[in-house]
Amino acid sequence: MNFADFTTSLNNIPFAPRQANARGLIAPLIRSSGHILFLTACLSFAAAAPEGTARVEIMTEAEAIDELNQAFAHVAPANIATDIVLSTRGAELLALYSGAIGNLIGSYHDWSETDRLTACRNLANRAAALGAFLDRELAGLNSDLSDPGSSF
């Protein structure tokens, strides 16, 4: 595929990057996890500096916390559609994910770079597990393809 084909494909997918257009359930989770993955990548790059060389700071602590605030905003209750019927466990898992981001925001300043990176990696993994749970819950999928590898 060349760049023109890529551009054509991309341009045929509707895109309106405003918070009001990202309500629902899946879109907020995807957008939130995107911020978590971006922060994880930045922290990973900084951590990968060879011993004895200067670390490269990709983003400041304030910028990292801003990424977390944006991740949290996407999954705030006001941005989750209330007309989607979730099981009690589904609603609980979504609240736990949102709460974990909030806890990370509150603790970020006090944690080491290693702890920050570990927390972001774990949070990204939990977002994927939550997505797999929602596969089964919302779409009725029940196969190995949507199994997060743990019981909810």
N, C-alpha and C. Protein backbone atom coordinates (compact mmCIF):
# COMPACT_ATOMS: atom_id res chain seq x y z
N MET A 1 0.86 -1.18 0.00
CA MET A 1 0.00 0.00 0.00
C MET A 1 0.90 1.23 0.00
N ASN A 2 0.62 2.14 -0.88
CA ASN A 2 1.41 3.37 -0.91
C ASN A 2 0.71 4.44 -0.07
N PHE A 3 1.37 5.57 0.04
CA PHE A 3 0.85 6.64 0.89
C PHE A 3 -0.50 7.16 0.40
N ALA A 4 -0.70 7.23 -0.92
CA ALA A 4 -1.97 7.71 -1.46
C ALA A 4 -3.11 6.76 -1.07
N ASP A 5 -2.84 5.44 -1.14
CA ASP A 5 -3.86 4.47 -0.73
C ASP A 5 -4.18 4.62 0.75
N PHE A 6 -3.13 4.79 1.54
CA PHE A 6 -3.31 4.98 2.98
C PHE A 6 -4.17 6.21 3.24
N THR A 7 -3.83 7.32 2.60
CA THR A 7 -4.56 8.57 2.79
C THR A 7 -6.02 8.43 2.37
N THR A 8 -6.26 7.77 1.26
CA THR A 8 -7.63 7.55 0.80
C THR A 8 -8.42 6.73 1.82
N SER A 9 -7.81 5.66 2.29
CA SER A 9 -8.48 4.82 3.30
C SER A 9 -8.76 5.62 4.56
N LEU A 10 -7.77 6.34 5.01
CA LEU A 10 -7.91 7.12 6.24
C LEU A 10 -8.98 8.20 6.10
N ASN A 11 -8.99 8.88 4.98
CA ASN A 11 -9.94 9.97 4.78
C ASN A 11 -11.39 9.50 4.65
N ASN A 12 -11.59 8.20 4.40
CA ASN A 12 -12.94 7.67 4.30
C ASN A 12 -13.51 7.23 5.65
N ILE A 13 -12.72 7.37 6.69
CA ILE A 13 -13.19 7.07 8.04
C ILE A 13 -13.59 8.39 8.69
N PRO A 14 -14.84 8.53 9.12
CA PRO A 14 -15.28 9.79 9.73
C PRO A 14 -14.43 10.11 10.96
N PHE A 15 -14.09 11.39 11.10
CA PHE A 15 -13.27 11.83 12.23
C PHE A 15 -13.68 13.23 12.63
N ALA A 16 -14.08 13.37 13.85
CA ALA A 16 -14.45 14.67 14.41
C ALA A 16 -13.91 14.72 15.83
N PRO A 17 -12.66 15.14 16.01
CA PRO A 17 -11.99 15.03 17.31
C PRO A 17 -12.44 16.06 18.35
N ARG A 18 -13.68 15.96 18.74
CA ARG A 18 -14.19 16.82 19.80
C ARG A 18 -14.73 15.92 20.90
N GLN A 19 -14.61 16.36 22.14
CA GLN A 19 -15.07 15.55 23.27
C GLN A 19 -16.53 15.16 23.11
N ALA A 20 -17.34 16.07 22.60
CA ALA A 20 -18.77 15.78 22.44
C ALA A 20 -19.02 14.61 21.49
N ASN A 21 -18.07 14.36 20.57
CA ASN A 21 -18.22 13.28 19.62
C ASN A 21 -17.60 11.98 20.11
N ALA A 22 -17.12 11.96 21.32
CA ALA A 22 -16.47 10.77 21.84
C ALA A 22 -17.21 10.21 23.04
N ARG A 23 -18.50 10.50 23.14
CA ARG A 23 -19.29 9.91 24.21
C ARG A 23 -19.66 8.49 23.83
N GLY A 24 -20.09 7.76 24.77
CA GLY A 24 -20.47 6.38 24.53
C GLY A 24 -19.77 5.50 25.53
N LEU A 25 -19.22 4.41 25.06
CA LEU A 25 -18.49 3.51 25.94
C LEU A 25 -17.16 3.10 25.31
N ILE A 26 -17.20 2.63 24.10
CA ILE A 26 -15.99 2.17 23.44
C ILE A 26 -15.08 3.36 23.09
N ALA A 27 -15.65 4.41 22.50
CA ALA A 27 -14.82 5.56 22.11
C ALA A 27 -14.09 6.19 23.31
N PRO A 28 -14.75 6.43 24.44
CA PRO A 28 -14.01 6.97 25.58
C PRO A 28 -12.90 6.05 26.07
N LEU A 29 -13.15 4.75 26.06
CA LEU A 29 -12.12 3.81 26.50
C LEU A 29 -10.93 3.83 25.55
N ILE A 30 -11.19 3.85 24.26
CA ILE A 30 -10.10 3.89 23.27
C ILE A 30 -9.31 5.19 23.41
N ARG A 31 -10.02 6.30 23.52
CA ARG A 31 -9.32 7.59 23.63
C ARG A 31 -8.52 7.67 24.92
N SER A 32 -9.09 7.19 26.01
CA SER A 32 -8.39 7.20 27.29
C SER A 32 -7.14 6.33 27.22
N SER A 33 -7.28 5.13 26.69
CA SER A 33 -6.12 4.24 26.63
C SER A 33 -5.06 4.77 25.67
N GLY A 34 -5.47 5.54 24.67
CA GLY A 34 -4.50 6.18 23.78
C GLY A 34 -3.57 7.12 24.54
N HIS A 35 -4.13 7.89 25.46
CA HIS A 35 -3.30 8.78 26.28
C HIS A 35 -2.36 7.97 27.18
N ILE A 36 -2.88 6.88 27.75
CA ILE A 36 -2.06 6.04 28.62
C ILE A 36 -0.92 5.41 27.82
N LEU A 37 -1.22 4.91 26.62
CA LEU A 37 -0.18 4.30 25.78
C LEU A 37 0.87 5.32 25.35
N PHE A 38 0.44 6.54 25.02
CA PHE A 38 1.39 7.58 24.64
C PHE A 38 2.33 7.89 25.80
N LEU A 39 1.77 8.04 27.00
CA LEU A 39 2.59 8.32 28.17
C LEU A 39 3.53 7.15 28.45
N THR A 40 3.05 5.93 28.30
CA THR A 40 3.90 4.75 28.50
C THR A 40 5.06 4.75 27.53
N ALA A 41 4.80 5.09 26.28
CA ALA A 41 5.87 5.14 25.28
C ALA A 41 6.91 6.20 25.64
N CYS A 42 6.45 7.36 26.07
CA CYS A 42 7.38 8.43 26.45
C CYS A 42 8.23 8.01 27.64
N LEU A 43 7.61 7.40 28.64
CA LEU A 43 8.36 6.95 29.82
C LEU A 43 9.32 5.82 29.45
N SER A 44 8.91 4.94 28.55
CA SER A 44 9.76 3.83 28.12
C SER A 44 10.99 4.35 27.38
N PHE A 45 10.80 5.34 26.54
CA PHE A 45 11.92 5.91 25.79
C PHE A 45 12.93 6.53 26.75
N ALA A 46 12.42 7.27 27.73
CA ALA A 46 13.31 7.91 28.70
C ALA A 46 14.06 6.85 29.51
N ALA A 47 13.38 5.76 29.85
CA ALA A 47 13.99 4.71 30.67
C ALA A 47 15.02 3.89 29.90
N ALA A 48 14.95 3.94 28.57
CA ALA A 48 15.84 3.12 27.74
C ALA A 48 17.21 3.74 27.50
N ALA A 49 17.48 4.89 28.08
CA ALA A 49 18.79 5.53 27.89
C ALA A 49 19.88 4.61 28.43
N PRO A 50 20.91 4.35 27.66
CA PRO A 50 22.00 3.48 28.12
C PRO A 50 22.65 4.04 29.40
N GLU A 51 23.08 3.13 30.25
CA GLU A 51 23.72 3.55 31.49
C GLU A 51 24.92 4.44 31.19
N GLY A 52 25.04 5.50 31.93
CA GLY A 52 26.15 6.43 31.74
C GLY A 52 25.86 7.54 30.75
N THR A 53 24.70 7.50 30.12
CA THR A 53 24.32 8.57 29.19
C THR A 53 23.20 9.39 29.81
N ALA A 54 23.06 10.57 29.32
CA ALA A 54 22.02 11.45 29.84
C ALA A 54 20.64 10.94 29.41
N ARG A 55 19.71 10.96 30.34
CA ARG A 55 18.34 10.58 30.02
C ARG A 55 17.72 11.67 29.14
N VAL A 56 16.90 11.25 28.23
CA VAL A 56 16.20 12.19 27.38
C VAL A 56 14.77 12.30 27.91
N GLU A 57 14.43 13.48 28.36
CA GLU A 57 13.08 13.68 28.86
C GLU A 57 12.17 14.06 27.70
N ILE A 58 11.21 13.21 27.42
CA ILE A 58 10.29 13.42 26.31
C ILE A 58 9.21 14.41 26.71
N MET A 59 8.79 14.33 27.96
CA MET A 59 7.77 15.25 28.47
C MET A 59 8.06 15.56 29.92
N THR A 60 7.63 16.71 30.32
CA THR A 60 7.81 17.11 31.72
C THR A 60 6.78 16.39 32.59
N GLU A 61 6.97 16.46 33.89
CA GLU A 61 6.01 15.86 34.80
C GLU A 61 4.63 16.51 34.63
N ALA A 62 4.62 17.82 34.45
CA ALA A 62 3.34 18.52 34.25
C ALA A 62 2.65 18.03 32.98
N GLU A 63 3.40 17.81 31.92
CA GLU A 63 2.82 17.30 30.67
C GLU A 63 2.31 15.87 30.85
N ALA A 64 3.03 15.07 31.63
CA ALA A 64 2.59 13.70 31.90
C ALA A 64 1.28 13.72 32.67
N ILE A 65 1.19 14.56 33.67
CA ILE A 65 -0.05 14.65 34.45
C ILE A 65 -1.19 15.17 33.58
N ASP A 66 -0.88 16.07 32.65
CA ASP A 66 -1.91 16.54 31.71
C ASP A 66 -2.41 15.38 30.84
N GLU A 67 -1.52 14.51 30.38
CA GLU A 67 -1.94 13.32 29.62
C GLU A 67 -2.87 12.46 30.46
N LEU A 68 -2.53 12.27 31.73
CA LEU A 68 -3.37 11.47 32.62
C LEU A 68 -4.72 12.15 32.84
N ASN A 69 -4.71 13.47 32.99
CA ASN A 69 -5.98 14.19 33.16
C ASN A 69 -6.87 14.03 31.92
N GLN A 70 -6.25 14.06 30.75
CA GLN A 70 -7.03 13.86 29.53
C GLN A 70 -7.57 12.43 29.46
N ALA A 71 -6.75 11.46 29.86
CA ALA A 71 -7.20 10.07 29.89
C ALA A 71 -8.38 9.92 30.84
N PHE A 72 -8.29 10.56 31.98
CA PHE A 72 -9.36 10.49 32.98
C PHE A 72 -10.63 11.17 32.46
N ALA A 73 -10.47 12.31 31.80
CA ALA A 73 -11.63 13.05 31.30
C ALA A 73 -12.46 12.21 30.32
N HIS A 74 -11.79 11.40 29.51
CA HIS A 74 -12.52 10.58 28.54
C HIS A 74 -13.43 9.55 29.21
N VAL A 75 -13.02 9.04 30.36
CA VAL A 75 -13.82 8.02 31.03
C VAL A 75 -14.55 8.55 32.26
N ALA A 76 -14.62 9.87 32.35
CA ALA A 76 -15.41 10.48 33.43
C ALA A 76 -16.87 10.13 33.20
N PRO A 77 -17.64 9.98 34.28
CA PRO A 77 -19.05 9.59 34.13
C PRO A 77 -19.84 10.45 33.13
N ALA A 78 -19.53 11.73 33.02
CA ALA A 78 -20.26 12.60 32.10
C ALA A 78 -20.04 12.22 30.64
N ASN A 79 -18.97 11.50 30.34
CA ASN A 79 -18.66 11.14 28.96
C ASN A 79 -18.99 9.69 28.64
N ILE A 80 -19.53 8.98 29.60
CA ILE A 80 -19.95 7.61 29.37
C ILE A 80 -21.47 7.61 29.17
N ALA A 81 -21.91 7.07 28.06
CA ALA A 81 -23.35 7.06 27.76
C ALA A 81 -24.08 6.26 28.82
N THR A 82 -25.15 6.84 29.33
CA THR A 82 -25.91 6.19 30.38
C THR A 82 -26.99 5.26 29.82
N ASP A 83 -27.20 5.31 28.51
CA ASP A 83 -28.23 4.45 27.93
C ASP A 83 -27.68 3.08 27.51
N ILE A 84 -26.41 2.84 27.76
CA ILE A 84 -25.82 1.54 27.46
C ILE A 84 -26.02 0.65 28.68
N VAL A 85 -26.58 -0.49 28.46
CA VAL A 85 -26.85 -1.39 29.57
C VAL A 85 -25.62 -2.26 29.82
N LEU A 86 -25.05 -2.07 30.98
CA LEU A 86 -23.92 -2.89 31.40
C LEU A 86 -24.33 -3.71 32.61
N SER A 87 -23.68 -4.83 32.76
CA SER A 87 -23.89 -5.60 33.97
C SER A 87 -23.31 -4.82 35.15
N THR A 88 -23.65 -5.23 36.32
CA THR A 88 -23.08 -4.60 37.51
C THR A 88 -21.56 -4.70 37.46
N ARG A 89 -21.04 -5.86 37.06
CA ARG A 89 -19.59 -6.05 36.98
C ARG A 89 -18.98 -5.15 35.92
N GLY A 90 -19.63 -4.98 34.78
CA GLY A 90 -19.12 -4.09 33.74
C GLY A 90 -19.01 -2.66 34.22
N ALA A 91 -20.05 -2.17 34.89
CA ALA A 91 -20.02 -0.82 35.43
C ALA A 91 -18.94 -0.69 36.50
N GLU A 92 -18.78 -1.73 37.31
CA GLU A 92 -17.76 -1.72 38.35
C GLU A 92 -16.35 -1.66 37.74
N LEU A 93 -16.10 -2.45 36.70
CA LEU A 93 -14.78 -2.46 36.05
C LEU A 93 -14.47 -1.11 35.42
N LEU A 94 -15.45 -0.50 34.80
CA LEU A 94 -15.25 0.82 34.20
C LEU A 94 -14.94 1.85 35.28
N ALA A 95 -15.64 1.78 36.40
CA ALA A 95 -15.37 2.70 37.52
C ALA A 95 -13.98 2.45 38.11
N LEU A 96 -13.57 1.19 38.18
CA LEU A 96 -12.23 0.88 38.69
C LEU A 96 -11.15 1.44 37.78
N TYR A 97 -11.35 1.32 36.45
CA TYR A 97 -10.38 1.86 35.49
C TYR A 97 -10.27 3.38 35.66
N SER A 98 -11.41 4.04 35.70
CA SER A 98 -11.42 5.49 35.90
C SER A 98 -10.76 5.86 37.22
N GLY A 99 -11.09 5.12 38.28
CA GLY A 99 -10.50 5.38 39.59
C GLY A 99 -9.00 5.16 39.61
N ALA A 100 -8.53 4.14 38.90
CA ALA A 100 -7.09 3.88 38.84
C ALA A 100 -6.36 5.05 38.19
N ILE A 101 -6.94 5.61 37.14
CA ILE A 101 -6.32 6.79 36.51
C ILE A 101 -6.29 7.94 37.51
N GLY A 102 -7.39 8.16 38.21
CA GLY A 102 -7.43 9.22 39.22
C GLY A 102 -6.40 9.01 40.31
N ASN A 103 -6.23 7.77 40.75
CA ASN A 103 -5.22 7.47 41.76
C ASN A 103 -3.82 7.71 41.24
N LEU A 104 -3.58 7.36 39.99
CA LEU A 104 -2.27 7.60 39.39
C LEU A 104 -1.98 9.09 39.30
N ILE A 105 -2.97 9.87 38.94
CA ILE A 105 -2.79 11.33 38.89
C ILE A 105 -2.38 11.84 40.26
N GLY A 106 -3.07 11.39 41.30
CA GLY A 106 -2.79 11.86 42.66
C GLY A 106 -1.45 11.41 43.20
N SER A 107 -0.92 10.30 42.72
CA SER A 107 0.32 9.73 43.24
C SER A 107 1.52 9.99 42.35
N TYR A 108 1.31 10.42 41.13
CA TYR A 108 2.36 10.50 40.12
C TYR A 108 3.59 11.25 40.62
N HIS A 109 3.39 12.37 41.25
CA HIS A 109 4.51 13.22 41.71
C HIS A 109 5.43 12.48 42.68
N ASP A 110 4.86 11.60 43.49
CA ASP A 110 5.63 10.93 44.54
C ASP A 110 6.33 9.66 44.08
N TRP A 111 6.03 9.19 42.89
CA TRP A 111 6.56 7.91 42.45
C TRP A 111 7.85 8.05 41.65
N SER A 112 8.66 7.00 41.67
CA SER A 112 9.89 6.97 40.86
C SER A 112 9.52 6.79 39.40
N GLU A 113 10.48 7.04 38.53
CA GLU A 113 10.25 6.83 37.09
C GLU A 113 9.88 5.38 36.80
N THR A 114 10.54 4.46 37.49
CA THR A 114 10.26 3.03 37.29
C THR A 114 8.83 2.70 37.70
N ASP A 115 8.41 3.23 38.85
CA ASP A 115 7.04 2.98 39.31
C ASP A 115 6.02 3.61 38.38
N ARG A 116 6.32 4.79 37.85
CA ARG A 116 5.41 5.45 36.91
C ARG A 116 5.25 4.61 35.65
N LEU A 117 6.37 4.12 35.12
CA LEU A 117 6.33 3.32 33.91
C LEU A 117 5.57 2.02 34.15
N THR A 118 5.83 1.36 35.26
CA THR A 118 5.14 0.12 35.60
C THR A 118 3.63 0.36 35.73
N ALA A 119 3.27 1.45 36.40
CA ALA A 119 1.85 1.77 36.58
C ALA A 119 1.17 2.02 35.24
N CYS A 120 1.82 2.75 34.36
CA CYS A 120 1.22 3.04 33.04
C CYS A 120 1.10 1.77 32.21
N ARG A 121 2.12 0.91 32.25
CA ARG A 121 2.03 -0.36 31.52
C ARG A 121 0.88 -1.20 32.06
N ASN A 122 0.77 -1.29 33.38
CA ASN A 122 -0.30 -2.07 33.98
C ASN A 122 -1.67 -1.49 33.63
N LEU A 123 -1.77 -0.18 33.63
CA LEU A 123 -3.04 0.47 33.29
C LEU A 123 -3.42 0.21 31.83
N ALA A 124 -2.44 0.26 30.94
CA ALA A 124 -2.70 -0.03 29.53
C ALA A 124 -3.18 -1.48 29.36
N ASN A 125 -2.56 -2.40 30.10
CA ASN A 125 -2.98 -3.80 30.04
C ASN A 125 -4.40 -3.97 30.58
N ARG A 126 -4.74 -3.24 31.63
CA ARG A 126 -6.08 -3.34 32.19
C ARG A 126 -7.12 -2.75 31.23
N ALA A 127 -6.74 -1.71 30.50
CA ALA A 127 -7.66 -1.15 29.50
C ALA A 127 -7.95 -2.19 28.42
N ALA A 128 -6.92 -2.93 28.00
CA ALA A 128 -7.12 -3.99 27.01
C ALA A 128 -8.02 -5.09 27.58
N ALA A 129 -7.81 -5.45 28.84
CA ALA A 129 -8.65 -6.47 29.47
C ALA A 129 -10.09 -5.99 29.58
N LEU A 130 -10.26 -4.71 29.90
CA LEU A 130 -11.61 -4.14 29.97
C LEU A 130 -12.27 -4.17 28.60
N GLY A 131 -11.51 -3.85 27.56
CA GLY A 131 -12.04 -3.93 26.20
C GLY A 131 -12.48 -5.34 25.85
N ALA A 132 -11.69 -6.33 26.26
CA ALA A 132 -12.05 -7.72 26.00
C ALA A 132 -13.33 -8.10 26.76
N PHE A 133 -13.45 -7.62 27.98
CA PHE A 133 -14.67 -7.86 28.75
C PHE A 133 -15.87 -7.25 28.02
N LEU A 134 -15.70 -6.03 27.52
CA LEU A 134 -16.80 -5.35 26.82
C LEU A 134 -17.14 -6.06 25.52
N ASP A 135 -16.15 -6.68 24.85
CA ASP A 135 -16.45 -7.53 23.68
C ASP A 135 -17.51 -8.54 24.04
N ARG A 136 -17.26 -9.24 25.12
CA ARG A 136 -18.17 -10.31 25.52
C ARG A 136 -19.50 -9.75 26.01
N GLU A 137 -19.43 -8.66 26.75
CA GLU A 137 -20.65 -8.11 27.34
C GLU A 137 -21.56 -7.45 26.31
N LEU A 138 -21.00 -6.61 25.45
CA LEU A 138 -21.82 -5.83 24.53
C LEU A 138 -22.10 -6.53 23.22
N ALA A 139 -21.14 -7.28 22.73
CA ALA A 139 -21.32 -7.92 21.43
C ALA A 139 -21.67 -9.40 21.56
N GLY A 140 -21.66 -9.90 22.76
CA GLY A 140 -22.00 -11.29 22.96
C GLY A 140 -20.91 -12.25 22.50
N LEU A 141 -19.69 -11.74 22.33
CA LEU A 141 -18.60 -12.62 21.91
C LEU A 141 -18.19 -13.49 23.09
N ASN A 142 -17.96 -14.73 22.82
CA ASN A 142 -17.52 -15.63 23.87
C ASN A 142 -16.57 -16.63 23.23
N SER A 143 -15.36 -16.17 23.00
CA SER A 143 -14.36 -17.04 22.36
C SER A 143 -12.99 -16.68 22.90
N ASP A 144 -12.01 -17.45 22.50
CA ASP A 144 -10.64 -17.17 22.91
C ASP A 144 -10.15 -15.82 22.40
N LEU A 145 -10.73 -15.34 21.30
CA LEU A 145 -10.29 -14.07 20.73
C LEU A 145 -10.60 -12.89 21.63
N SER A 146 -11.61 -13.00 22.48
CA SER A 146 -11.96 -11.88 23.35
C SER A 146 -11.67 -12.17 24.81
N ASP A 147 -10.97 -13.26 25.08
CA ASP A 147 -10.66 -13.63 26.46
C ASP A 147 -9.45 -12.85 26.94
N PRO A 148 -9.60 -12.05 27.99
CA PRO A 148 -8.48 -11.26 28.48
C PRO A 148 -7.45 -12.10 29.22
N GLY A 149 -7.71 -13.39 29.39
CA GLY A 149 -6.74 -14.23 30.07
C GLY A 149 -6.93 -14.30 31.57
N SER A 150 -8.00 -13.70 32.04
CA SER A 150 -8.29 -13.79 33.47
C SER A 150 -9.80 -13.75 33.65
N SER A 151 -10.24 -14.25 34.76
CA SER A 151 -11.68 -14.24 35.01
C SER A 151 -12.08 -12.93 35.65
N PHE A 152 -13.19 -12.42 35.22
CA PHE A 152 -13.72 -11.20 35.83
C PHE A 152 -14.78 -11.61 36.80
